[in-house]
Amino acid sequence: MRFDLVTLFPEFFANPLATSLLGRALNRGIAQVHLTNPRDFAPPPYHRVDDEPYGGGAGMVLMCDPLFQAVEHLPECGTRAVILTTPQGQPLTQALLKSLAGFEHLVILCGHYEGVDERVRQNLVTHEISLGDFVLTGGEIPALAIVDGVVRLLPGTVGKAASLQEESFEGGLLEYPHYTRPQNFRGWGVPEILRSGHHRAIAQWRQHEREQRTRERRPDLWERYSSKEPRPC
């Protein structure tokens, strides 16, 4: 899978892309990430990519031409989505990450300033994505979150594929609690059921914990989950 990140600050990604599970996946060729600076497509000597908004107002707006040229310069590697990171976008969810993992090529435009010229949204972008109801200094952090979330879903990134099926948001619930050694830490123990070896009972306990945790911590998720449960006649 190929990622192309169109960013004014390519240096932002140097360490994160070389670190941990994501770095290992990229080194193994599971995915590849390329960085493009739209300033390279802006006229010299200043390579300016932003200008004042028509109609007035505070802040600057990213111009059409450098962004269009930056994307049009890229190869098209199979099925492709062009994503704009913006607070106005669709909230990033696990379901959306799974959908994006079905593409062969993701181009991510990292938004900045007051945003992009609306003609970029209307004629270039296929998806607009937000991390939530807040504003960051730029779109690099959301872009990195998208790359990380998608790459970990690709075959070969996570050692045990089963771990992807038992984590938070799978099946509409949060994940159950985890424990490891030591059995007793400062007087706090491990639930006896997890040490019993009774796999069916453990599975039932974990399901109960998932439901209780979701109900307490994310009533919005619980409402959706419980509304889909079959009701007895």
C-alpha atoms as a PDB file:
ATOM      1  CA  MET A   1       0.000   0.000   0.000  1.00  0.00           C
ATOM      2  CA  ARG A   2       1.282   3.475  -0.850  1.00  0.00           C
ATOM      3  CA  PHE A   3       0.788   6.659   1.172  1.00  0.00           C
ATOM      4  CA  ASP A   4       1.604  10.101  -0.197  1.00  0.00           C
ATOM      5  CA  LEU A   5       1.591  12.867   2.410  1.00  0.00           C
ATOM      6  CA  VAL A   6       1.372  16.385   1.003  1.00  0.00           C
ATOM      7  CA  THR A   7       2.739  18.561   3.775  1.00  0.00           C
ATOM      8  CA  LEU A   8       4.456  21.886   4.352  1.00  0.00           C
ATOM      9  CA  PHE A   9       6.509  20.211   7.088  1.00  0.00           C
ATOM     10  CA  PRO A  10       7.859  16.853   5.844  1.00  0.00           C
ATOM     11  CA  GLU A  11      10.444  16.823   8.637  1.00  0.00           C
ATOM     12  CA  PHE A  12       7.594  16.307  11.110  1.00  0.00           C
ATOM     13  CA  PHE A  13       7.276  12.674  10.031  1.00  0.00           C
ATOM     14  CA  ALA A  14      10.945  11.603  10.218  1.00  0.00           C
ATOM     15  CA  ASN A  15      10.950  10.005  13.680  1.00  0.00           C
ATOM     16  CA  PRO A  16       7.355   8.694  13.910  1.00  0.00           C
ATOM     17  CA  LEU A  17       7.643   6.813  10.600  1.00  0.00           C
ATOM     18  CA  ALA A  18      10.830   5.118  11.782  1.00  0.00           C
ATOM     19  CA  THR A  19       9.533   4.055  15.186  1.00  0.00           C
ATOM     20  CA  SER A  20       7.924   0.966  16.708  1.00  0.00           C
ATOM     21  CA  LEU A  21       5.438  -1.232  14.847  1.00  0.00           C
ATOM     22  CA  LEU A  22       4.879   1.353  12.126  1.00  0.00           C
ATOM     23  CA  GLY A  23       8.592   1.677  11.412  1.00  0.00           C
ATOM     24  CA  ARG A  24       9.036  -2.085  11.228  1.00  0.00           C
ATOM     25  CA  ALA A  25       6.081  -2.429   8.857  1.00  0.00           C
ATOM     26  CA  LEU A  26       7.509   0.206   6.518  1.00  0.00           C
ATOM     27  CA  ASN A  27      10.964  -1.405   6.635  1.00  0.00           C
ATOM     28  CA  ARG A  28       9.412  -4.740   5.661  1.00  0.00           C
ATOM     29  CA  GLY A  29       7.648  -3.198   2.685  1.00  0.00           C
ATOM     30  CA  ILE A  30       4.122  -3.773   3.978  1.00  0.00           C
ATOM     31  CA  ALA A  31       3.477  -0.144   3.090  1.00  0.00           C
ATOM     32  CA  GLN A  32       5.466   2.778   1.778  1.00  0.00           C
ATOM     33  CA  VAL A  33       5.191   6.451   2.678  1.00  0.00           C
ATOM     34  CA  HIS A  34       6.304   9.307   0.422  1.00  0.00           C
ATOM     35  CA  LEU A  35       6.430  12.983   1.384  1.00  0.00           C
ATOM     36  CA  THR A  36       5.698  15.884  -0.966  1.00  0.00           C
ATOM     37  CA  ASN A  37       6.023  19.568  -0.116  1.00  0.00           C
ATOM     38  CA  PRO A  38       3.588  21.768  -2.066  1.00  0.00           C
ATOM     39  CA  ARG A  39       6.127  24.593  -1.868  1.00  0.00           C
ATOM     40  CA  ASP A  40       8.083  22.687  -4.520  1.00  0.00           C
ATOM     41  CA  PHE A  41       5.220  23.469  -6.923  1.00  0.00           C
ATOM     42  CA  ALA A  42       4.896  27.161  -6.073  1.00  0.00           C
ATOM     43  CA  PRO A  43       6.687  29.795  -8.195  1.00  0.00           C
ATOM     44  CA  PRO A  44      10.084  31.127  -7.088  1.00  0.00           C
ATOM     45  CA  PRO A  45      11.624  33.037  -5.497  1.00  0.00           C
ATOM     46  CA  TYR A  46       9.330  32.762  -2.450  1.00  0.00           C
ATOM     47  CA  HIS A  47       7.468  29.505  -3.238  1.00  0.00           C
ATOM     48  CA  ARG A  48       4.372  30.943  -1.631  1.00  0.00           C
ATOM     49  CA  VAL A  49       1.481  28.531  -1.047  1.00  0.00           C
ATOM     50  CA  ASP A  50      -0.992  30.749   0.844  1.00  0.00           C
ATOM     51  CA  ASP A  51      -2.814  34.029   0.295  1.00  0.00           C
ATOM     52  CA  GLU A  52      -5.435  36.258   1.899  1.00  0.00           C
ATOM     53  CA  PRO A  53      -9.065  35.123   1.657  1.00  0.00           C
ATOM     54  CA  TYR A  54     -11.458  36.823  -0.738  1.00  0.00           C
ATOM     55  CA  GLY A  55     -14.005  38.789   1.234  1.00  0.00           C
ATOM     56  CA  GLY A  56     -11.521  39.568   3.986  1.00  0.00           C
ATOM     57  CA  GLY A  57     -11.066  37.956   7.357  1.00  0.00           C
ATOM     58  CA  ALA A  58      -8.275  36.786   9.600  1.00  0.00           C
ATOM     59  CA  GLY A  59      -5.667  34.253   8.570  1.00  0.00           C
ATOM     60  CA  MET A  60      -4.448  32.840   5.292  1.00  0.00           C
ATOM     61  CA  VAL A  61      -5.764  30.179   2.914  1.00  0.00           C
ATOM     62  CA  LEU A  62      -3.816  27.481   1.074  1.00  0.00           C
ATOM     63  CA  MET A  63      -3.992  28.131  -2.664  1.00  0.00           C
ATOM     64  CA  CYS A  64      -5.274  25.756  -5.317  1.00  0.00           C
ATOM     65  CA  ASP A  65      -2.385  25.562  -7.729  1.00  0.00           C
ATOM     66  CA  PRO A  66       0.405  24.161  -5.496  1.00  0.00           C
ATOM     67  CA  LEU A  67      -1.926  21.519  -4.037  1.00  0.00           C
ATOM     68  CA  PHE A  68      -3.337  20.442  -7.393  1.00  0.00           C
ATOM     69  CA  GLN A  69       0.119  20.271  -8.932  1.00  0.00           C
ATOM     70  CA  ALA A  70       1.519  18.328  -5.974  1.00  0.00           C
ATOM     71  CA  VAL A  71      -1.210  15.679  -6.272  1.00  0.00           C
ATOM     72  CA  GLU A  72      -1.145  15.558 -10.064  1.00  0.00           C
ATOM     73  CA  HIS A  73       2.626  14.991  -9.904  1.00  0.00           C
ATOM     74  CA  LEU A  74       2.107  11.755  -7.964  1.00  0.00           C
ATOM     75  CA  PRO A  75       1.773   8.354  -9.620  1.00  0.00           C
ATOM     76  CA  GLU A  76      -1.626   6.663  -9.436  1.00  0.00           C
ATOM     77  CA  CYS A  77      -1.116   3.303  -7.780  1.00  0.00           C
ATOM     78  CA  GLY A  78      -4.395   1.451  -8.076  1.00  0.00           C
ATOM     79  CA  THR A  79      -7.521   2.444  -6.219  1.00  0.00           C
ATOM     80  CA  ARG A  80      -6.900   5.844  -4.667  1.00  0.00           C
ATOM     81  CA  ALA A  81      -8.449   8.185  -2.113  1.00  0.00           C
ATOM     82  CA  VAL A  82      -7.404  11.805  -1.661  1.00  0.00           C
ATOM     83  CA  ILE A  83      -7.904  12.806   1.961  1.00  0.00           C
ATOM     84  CA  LEU A  84      -7.961  16.281   3.474  1.00  0.00           C
ATOM     85  CA  THR A  85      -7.311  16.502   7.203  1.00  0.00           C
ATOM     86  CA  THR A  86      -9.674  19.175   8.525  1.00  0.00           C
ATOM     87  CA  PRO A  87     -11.729  19.846  11.681  1.00  0.00           C
ATOM     88  CA  GLN A  88     -14.798  19.907   9.401  1.00  0.00           C
ATOM     89  CA  GLY A  89     -14.251  16.331   8.264  1.00  0.00           C
ATOM     90  CA  GLN A  90     -15.829  13.009   9.129  1.00  0.00           C
ATOM     91  CA  PRO A  91     -14.644  11.785  12.551  1.00  0.00           C
ATOM     92  CA  LEU A  92     -11.952   9.134  12.314  1.00  0.00           C
ATOM     93  CA  THR A  93     -13.260   5.779  13.549  1.00  0.00           C
ATOM     94  CA  GLN A  94     -12.081   2.190  13.417  1.00  0.00           C
ATOM     95  CA  ALA A  95     -14.706   1.475  10.779  1.00  0.00           C
ATOM     96  CA  LEU A  96     -13.366   4.311   8.624  1.00  0.00           C
ATOM     97  CA  LEU A  97      -9.799   3.022   9.025  1.00  0.00           C
ATOM     98  CA  LYS A  98     -10.946  -0.387   7.816  1.00  0.00           C
ATOM     99  CA  SER A  99     -12.574   1.235   4.803  1.00  0.00           C
ATOM    100  CA  LEU A 100      -9.397   3.163   3.975  1.00  0.00           C
ATOM    101  CA  ALA A 101      -7.327  -0.007   4.298  1.00  0.00           C
ATOM    102  CA  GLY A 102      -9.219  -1.312   1.278  1.00  0.00           C
ATOM    103  CA  PHE A 103      -7.559   1.265  -0.983  1.00  0.00           C
ATOM    104  CA  GLU A 104      -4.211   0.689  -2.652  1.00  0.00           C
ATOM    105  CA  HIS A 105      -3.131   4.337  -2.563  1.00  0.00           C
ATOM    106  CA  LEU A 106      -3.924   7.054  -0.020  1.00  0.00           C
ATOM    107  CA  VAL A 107      -2.982  10.668  -0.661  1.00  0.00           C
ATOM    108  CA  ILE A 108      -3.302  12.840   2.441  1.00  0.00           C
ATOM    109  CA  LEU A 109      -3.335  16.636   2.248  1.00  0.00           C
ATOM    110  CA  CYS A 110      -2.239  18.137   5.564  1.00  0.00           C
ATOM    111  CA  GLY A 111      -4.353  21.227   6.111  1.00  0.00           C
ATOM    112  CA  HIS A 112      -2.954  24.450   7.579  1.00  0.00           C
ATOM    113  CA  TYR A 113      -3.842  28.057   8.369  1.00  0.00           C
ATOM    114  CA  GLU A 114      -7.545  28.816   7.870  1.00  0.00           C
ATOM    115  CA  GLY A 115      -7.851  25.851   5.529  1.00  0.00           C
ATOM    116  CA  VAL A 116      -7.714  25.270   1.787  1.00  0.00           C
ATOM    117  CA  ASP A 117      -9.352  27.004  -1.151  1.00  0.00           C
ATOM    118  CA  GLU A 118     -12.838  25.503  -1.460  1.00  0.00           C
ATOM    119  CA  ARG A 119     -12.080  24.400  -5.017  1.00  0.00           C
ATOM    120  CA  VAL A 120      -9.592  21.908  -3.600  1.00  0.00           C
ATOM    121  CA  ARG A 121     -12.370  20.362  -1.518  1.00  0.00           C
ATOM    122  CA  GLN A 122     -14.816  20.299  -4.409  1.00  0.00           C
ATOM    123  CA  ASN A 123     -12.577  19.023  -7.212  1.00  0.00           C
ATOM    124  CA  LEU A 124      -9.605  17.165  -5.723  1.00  0.00           C
ATOM    125  CA  VAL A 125     -10.507  15.684  -2.350  1.00  0.00           C
ATOM    126  CA  THR A 126     -12.529  12.469  -1.980  1.00  0.00           C
ATOM    127  CA  HIS A 127     -12.546  12.241   1.845  1.00  0.00           C
ATOM    128  CA  GLU A 128     -12.390  14.838   4.626  1.00  0.00           C
ATOM    129  CA  ILE A 129     -11.307  13.461   7.993  1.00  0.00           C
ATOM    130  CA  SER A 130     -11.086  14.933  11.497  1.00  0.00           C
ATOM    131  CA  LEU A 131      -9.694  13.530  14.748  1.00  0.00           C
ATOM    132  CA  GLY A 132     -12.509  15.159  16.695  1.00  0.00           C
ATOM    133  CA  ASP A 133     -14.156  18.393  17.735  1.00  0.00           C
ATOM    134  CA  PHE A 134     -11.000  20.394  18.323  1.00  0.00           C
ATOM    135  CA  VAL A 135      -8.455  22.361  16.285  1.00  0.00           C
ATOM    136  CA  LEU A 136      -4.732  21.635  15.922  1.00  0.00           C
ATOM    137  CA  THR A 137      -1.952  23.778  14.472  1.00  0.00           C
ATOM    138  CA  GLY A 138      -1.848  21.622  11.350  1.00  0.00           C
ATOM    139  CA  GLY A 139      -2.940  18.418   9.682  1.00  0.00           C
ATOM    140  CA  GLU A 140       0.252  16.431  10.234  1.00  0.00           C
ATOM    141  CA  ILE A 141      -0.904  14.788  13.472  1.00  0.00           C
ATOM    142  CA  PRO A 142      -4.205  13.581  11.936  1.00  0.00           C
ATOM    143  CA  ALA A 143      -2.299  12.380   8.856  1.00  0.00           C
ATOM    144  CA  LEU A 144       0.059  10.365  11.046  1.00  0.00           C
ATOM    145  CA  ALA A 145      -2.902   8.898  12.928  1.00  0.00           C
ATOM    146  CA  ILE A 146      -4.457   7.772   9.641  1.00  0.00           C
ATOM    147  CA  VAL A 147      -1.222   6.176   8.432  1.00  0.00           C
ATOM    148  CA  ASP A 148      -0.660   4.392  11.732  1.00  0.00           C
ATOM    149  CA  GLY A 149      -4.260   3.205  12.031  1.00  0.00           C
ATOM    150  CA  VAL A 150      -4.385   1.873   8.478  1.00  0.00           C
ATOM    151  CA  VAL A 151      -0.942   0.241   8.415  1.00  0.00           C
ATOM    152  CA  ARG A 152      -1.631  -1.792  11.564  1.00  0.00           C
ATOM    153  CA  LEU A 153      -4.633  -3.329   9.784  1.00  0.00           C
ATOM    154  CA  LEU A 154      -2.545  -4.518   6.826  1.00  0.00           C
ATOM    155  CA  PRO A 155      -1.571  -8.212   6.784  1.00  0.00           C
ATOM    156  CA  GLY A 156       1.788  -8.818   8.416  1.00  0.00           C
ATOM    157  CA  THR A 157       1.960  -5.677  10.567  1.00  0.00           C
ATOM    158  CA  VAL A 158       0.534  -7.147  13.768  1.00  0.00           C
ATOM    159  CA  GLY A 159       2.032 -10.468  14.769  1.00  0.00           C
ATOM    160  CA  LYS A 160      -1.207 -12.098  15.932  1.00  0.00           C
ATOM    161  CA  ALA A 161      -4.127 -11.310  13.669  1.00  0.00           C
ATOM    162  CA  ALA A 162      -6.512 -12.382  16.437  1.00  0.00           C
ATOM    163  CA  SER A 163      -5.471  -9.355  18.496  1.00  0.00           C
ATOM    164  CA  LEU A 164      -7.113  -7.124  15.886  1.00  0.00           C
ATOM    165  CA  GLN A 165     -10.416  -8.906  16.464  1.00  0.00           C
ATOM    166  CA  GLU A 166     -10.479  -8.502  20.243  1.00  0.00           C
ATOM    167  CA  GLU A 167      -9.582  -4.831  20.689  1.00  0.00           C
ATOM    168  CA  SER A 168     -11.681  -1.779  21.410  1.00  0.00           C
ATOM    169  CA  PHE A 169     -14.486  -0.928  18.959  1.00  0.00           C
ATOM    170  CA  GLU A 170     -14.560  -4.401  17.421  1.00  0.00           C
ATOM    171  CA  GLY A 171     -18.155  -5.565  17.565  1.00  0.00           C
ATOM    172  CA  GLY A 172     -19.154  -2.130  18.838  1.00  0.00           C
ATOM    173  CA  LEU A 173     -17.660  -2.539  22.323  1.00  0.00           C
ATOM    174  CA  LEU A 174     -14.589  -1.396  24.233  1.00  0.00           C
ATOM    175  CA  GLU A 175     -11.941  -3.949  25.104  1.00  0.00           C
ATOM    176  CA  TYR A 176     -11.959  -6.019  28.309  1.00  0.00           C
ATOM    177  CA  PRO A 177      -9.354  -5.475  31.113  1.00  0.00           C
ATOM    178  CA  HIS A 178      -5.915  -7.089  30.861  1.00  0.00           C
ATOM    179  CA  TYR A 179      -3.615  -8.439  33.579  1.00  0.00           C
ATOM    180  CA  THR A 180      -0.132  -9.928  33.586  1.00  0.00           C
ATOM    181  CA  ARG A 181       2.546 -10.961  36.116  1.00  0.00           C
ATOM    182  CA  PRO A 182       2.980 -10.568  39.031  1.00  0.00           C
ATOM    183  CA  GLN A 183      -0.182 -12.175  40.356  1.00  0.00           C
ATOM    184  CA  ASN A 184      -0.111  -9.879  43.373  1.00  0.00           C
ATOM    185  CA  PHE A 185       1.117  -6.294  43.153  1.00  0.00           C
ATOM    186  CA  ARG A 186       0.961  -4.117  46.280  1.00  0.00           C
ATOM    187  CA  GLY A 187      -2.004  -6.092  47.493  1.00  0.00           C
ATOM    188  CA  TRP A 188      -3.913  -5.823  44.215  1.00  0.00           C
ATOM    189  CA  GLY A 189      -4.646  -9.212  42.724  1.00  0.00           C
ATOM    190  CA  VAL A 190      -5.774 -10.716  39.432  1.00  0.00           C
ATOM    191  CA  PRO A 191      -9.381 -11.905  38.995  1.00  0.00           C
ATOM    192  CA  GLU A 192      -9.496 -15.585  39.884  1.00  0.00           C
ATOM    193  CA  ILE A 193     -11.425 -16.466  36.737  1.00  0.00           C
ATOM    194  CA  LEU A 194      -8.424 -15.498  34.572  1.00  0.00           C
ATOM    195  CA  ARG A 195      -6.269 -18.025  36.442  1.00  0.00           C
ATOM    196  CA  SER A 196      -8.822 -20.810  36.276  1.00  0.00           C
ATOM    197  CA  GLY A 197      -7.962 -22.209  32.841  1.00  0.00           C
ATOM    198  CA  HIS A 198     -11.693 -22.436  32.003  1.00  0.00           C
ATOM    199  CA  HIS A 199     -11.686 -20.879  28.553  1.00  0.00           C
ATOM    200  CA  ARG A 200     -15.446 -20.683  28.161  1.00  0.00           C
ATOM    201  CA  ALA A 201     -15.856 -19.011  31.540  1.00  0.00           C
ATOM    202  CA  ILE A 202     -13.029 -16.599  30.727  1.00  0.00           C
ATOM    203  CA  ALA A 203     -14.686 -15.693  27.412  1.00  0.00           C
ATOM    204  CA  GLN A 204     -17.973 -15.034  29.210  1.00  0.00           C
ATOM    205  CA  TRP A 205     -16.214 -12.880  31.839  1.00  0.00           C
ATOM    206  CA  ARG A 206     -14.454 -10.876  29.157  1.00  0.00           C
ATOM    207  CA  GLN A 207     -17.680 -10.290  27.252  1.00  0.00           C
ATOM    208  CA  HIS A 208     -19.368  -9.126  30.452  1.00  0.00           C
ATOM    209  CA  GLU A 209     -16.475  -6.752  31.168  1.00  0.00           C
ATOM    210  CA  ARG A 210     -16.601  -5.372  27.631  1.00  0.00           C
ATOM    211  CA  GLU A 211     -20.287  -4.623  27.945  1.00  0.00           C
ATOM    212  CA  GLN A 212     -19.995  -3.106  31.426  1.00  0.00           C
ATOM    213  CA  ARG A 213     -16.991  -0.955  30.463  1.00  0.00           C
ATOM    214  CA  THR A 214     -18.719   0.311  27.333  1.00  0.00           C
ATOM    215  CA  ARG A 215     -21.926   1.068  29.205  1.00  0.00           C
ATOM    216  CA  GLU A 216     -20.042   3.066  31.855  1.00  0.00           C
ATOM    217  CA  ARG A 217     -17.455   4.850  29.702  1.00  0.00           C
ATOM    218  CA  ARG A 218     -19.096   5.261  26.311  1.00  0.00           C
ATOM    219  CA  PRO A 219     -22.879   5.416  26.607  1.00  0.00           C
ATOM    220  CA  ASP A 220     -23.035   6.518  22.960  1.00  0.00           C
ATOM    221  CA  LEU A 221     -21.406   3.257  21.844  1.00  0.00           C
ATOM    222  CA  TRP A 222     -23.519   1.250  24.260  1.00  0.00           C
ATOM    223  CA  GLU A 223     -26.733   2.730  22.923  1.00  0.00           C
ATOM    224  CA  ARG A 224     -25.792   1.730  19.364  1.00  0.00           C
ATOM    225  CA  TYR A 225     -24.661  -1.720  20.466  1.00  0.00           C
ATOM    226  CA  SER A 226     -27.677  -2.485  22.625  1.00  0.00           C
ATOM    227  CA  SER A 227     -30.104  -1.298  19.950  1.00  0.00           C
ATOM    228  CA  LYS A 228     -28.712  -3.981  17.608  1.00  0.00           C
ATOM    229  CA  GLU A 229     -28.975  -6.821  20.104  1.00  0.00           C
ATOM    230  CA  PRO A 230     -31.754  -9.296  19.378  1.00  0.00           C
ATOM    231  CA  ARG A 231     -34.700  -8.901  21.743  1.00  0.00           C
ATOM    232  CA  PRO A 232     -36.428 -11.950  23.217  1.00  0.00           C
ATOM    233  CA  CYS A 233     -39.970 -12.604  21.985  1.00  0.00           C
END
